[in-house]
């Protein structure tokens, strides 16, 4: 699989998890929302480990997930 194809698959996975996180927060299901935060952070870490993103991008993704969980508007979008 090409690097660009892997990036696209991971970005799609991140996007779906972010939507699930937003939905859980809208419904007030904090435990489930925390699970999605963990999944998003794990996906970002995996992307960093295999060289798809750098450490700064991994941090941005994790911070965005926490911002969604805390009900804040993220300052940046996942690259």
C-alpha atoms as a PDB file:
ATOM      1  CA  UNK A   1       0.000   0.000   0.000  1.00  0.00           C
ATOM      2  CA  UNK A   2       1.311   3.440  -0.916  1.00  0.00           C
ATOM      3  CA  UNK A   3       2.023   6.021   1.763  1.00  0.00           C
ATOM      4  CA  UNK A   4      -0.674   8.321   0.375  1.00  0.00           C
ATOM      5  CA  UNK A   5      -3.247   5.518   0.533  1.00  0.00           C
ATOM      6  CA  UNK A   6      -2.343   4.799   4.163  1.00  0.00           C
ATOM      7  CA  UNK A   7      -2.605   8.485   5.015  1.00  0.00           C
ATOM      8  CA  UNK A   8      -6.051   8.647   3.466  1.00  0.00           C
ATOM      9  CA  UNK A   9      -7.248   5.573   5.367  1.00  0.00           C
ATOM     10  CA  UNK A  10      -5.937   6.916   8.673  1.00  0.00           C
ATOM     11  CA  UNK A  11      -7.456  10.352   8.047  1.00  0.00           C
ATOM     12  CA  UNK A  12     -10.805   8.743   7.294  1.00  0.00           C
ATOM     13  CA  UNK A  13     -10.526   6.729  10.509  1.00  0.00           C
ATOM     14  CA  UNK A  14      -9.696   9.895  12.467  1.00  0.00           C
ATOM     15  CA  UNK A  15     -12.605  11.746  10.907  1.00  0.00           C
ATOM     16  CA  UNK A  16     -15.083   9.008  11.835  1.00  0.00           C
ATOM     17  CA  UNK A  17     -13.767   8.865  15.404  1.00  0.00           C
ATOM     18  CA  UNK A  18     -14.005  12.662  15.745  1.00  0.00           C
ATOM     19  CA  UNK A  19     -17.635  12.539  14.603  1.00  0.00           C
ATOM     20  CA  UNK A  20     -18.340   9.757  17.103  1.00  0.00           C
ATOM     21  CA  UNK A  21     -16.667  11.811  19.839  1.00  0.00           C
ATOM     22  CA  UNK A  22     -18.793  14.844  18.977  1.00  0.00           C
ATOM     23  CA  UNK A  23     -21.927  12.708  18.961  1.00  0.00           C
ATOM     24  CA  UNK A  24     -21.128  11.167  22.349  1.00  0.00           C
ATOM     25  CA  UNK A  25     -20.512  14.602  23.835  1.00  0.00           C
ATOM     26  CA  UNK A  26     -23.771  15.928  22.356  1.00  0.00           C
ATOM     27  CA  UNK A  27     -25.583  13.039  24.032  1.00  0.00           C
ATOM     28  CA  UNK A  28     -23.732  13.592  27.312  1.00  0.00           C
ATOM     29  CA  UNK A  29     -22.119  10.151  27.338  1.00  0.00           C
ATOM     30  CA  UNK A  30     -18.757  11.140  28.808  1.00  0.00           C
ATOM     31  CA  UNK A  31     -17.398   7.620  29.293  1.00  0.00           C
ATOM     32  CA  UNK A  32     -17.874   6.790  25.646  1.00  0.00           C
ATOM     33  CA  UNK A  33     -16.475  10.169  24.656  1.00  0.00           C
ATOM     34  CA  UNK A  34     -13.319   9.467  26.667  1.00  0.00           C
ATOM     35  CA  UNK A  35     -12.973   6.155  24.864  1.00  0.00           C
ATOM     36  CA  UNK A  36     -13.043   8.011  21.538  1.00  0.00           C
ATOM     37  CA  UNK A  37     -10.434  10.500  22.791  1.00  0.00           C
ATOM     38  CA  UNK A  38      -8.206   7.528  23.598  1.00  0.00           C
ATOM     39  CA  UNK A  39      -8.804   5.971  20.196  1.00  0.00           C
ATOM     40  CA  UNK A  40      -7.995   9.236  18.417  1.00  0.00           C
ATOM     41  CA  UNK A  41      -4.778   9.620  20.410  1.00  0.00           C
ATOM     42  CA  UNK A  42      -3.866   6.003  19.632  1.00  0.00           C
ATOM     43  CA  UNK A  43      -4.490   6.476  15.924  1.00  0.00           C
ATOM     44  CA  UNK A  44      -2.331   9.608  15.944  1.00  0.00           C
ATOM     45  CA  UNK A  45       0.441   7.762  17.784  1.00  0.00           C
ATOM     46  CA  UNK A  46       0.263   4.940  15.241  1.00  0.00           C
ATOM     47  CA  UNK A  47       0.495   7.405  12.383  1.00  0.00           C
ATOM     48  CA  UNK A  48       3.585   8.938  13.982  1.00  0.00           C
ATOM     49  CA  UNK A  49       5.246   5.582  14.629  1.00  0.00           C
ATOM     50  CA  UNK A  50       4.913   4.467  11.009  1.00  0.00           C
ATOM     51  CA  UNK A  51       6.111   7.834   9.728  1.00  0.00           C
ATOM     52  CA  UNK A  52       2.919   9.302   8.291  1.00  0.00           C
ATOM     53  CA  UNK A  53       2.994  12.376  10.548  1.00  0.00           C
ATOM     54  CA  UNK A  54       5.539  14.075  12.780  1.00  0.00           C
ATOM     55  CA  UNK A  55       5.346  14.518  16.548  1.00  0.00           C
ATOM     56  CA  UNK A  56       3.915  18.023  16.258  1.00  0.00           C
ATOM     57  CA  UNK A  57       1.029  16.765  14.118  1.00  0.00           C
ATOM     58  CA  UNK A  58       0.408  13.953  16.605  1.00  0.00           C
ATOM     59  CA  UNK A  59       0.137  16.537  19.382  1.00  0.00           C
ATOM     60  CA  UNK A  60      -2.259  18.666  17.302  1.00  0.00           C
ATOM     61  CA  UNK A  61      -4.548  15.703  16.743  1.00  0.00           C
ATOM     62  CA  UNK A  62      -4.539  14.783  20.442  1.00  0.00           C
ATOM     63  CA  UNK A  63      -5.152  18.404  21.479  1.00  0.00           C
ATOM     64  CA  UNK A  64      -8.026  18.651  19.025  1.00  0.00           C
ATOM     65  CA  UNK A  65      -9.632  15.536  20.517  1.00  0.00           C
ATOM     66  CA  UNK A  66      -9.327  16.965  24.031  1.00  0.00           C
ATOM     67  CA  UNK A  67     -10.763  20.297  22.849  1.00  0.00           C
ATOM     68  CA  UNK A  68     -13.800  18.509  21.425  1.00  0.00           C
ATOM     69  CA  UNK A  69     -14.187  16.570  24.682  1.00  0.00           C
ATOM     70  CA  UNK A  70     -14.002  19.775  26.723  1.00  0.00           C
ATOM     71  CA  UNK A  71     -16.580  21.428  24.476  1.00  0.00           C
ATOM     72  CA  UNK A  72     -14.151  23.966  23.049  1.00  0.00           C
ATOM     73  CA  UNK A  73     -13.719  24.843  19.425  1.00  0.00           C
ATOM     74  CA  UNK A  74     -10.426  23.369  18.172  1.00  0.00           C
ATOM     75  CA  UNK A  75      -7.863  26.010  17.207  1.00  0.00           C
ATOM     76  CA  UNK A  76      -6.675  24.022  14.211  1.00  0.00           C
ATOM     77  CA  UNK A  77      -7.765  21.265  11.874  1.00  0.00           C
ATOM     78  CA  UNK A  78      -6.116  17.886  11.461  1.00  0.00           C
ATOM     79  CA  UNK A  79      -3.685  18.135   8.574  1.00  0.00           C
END
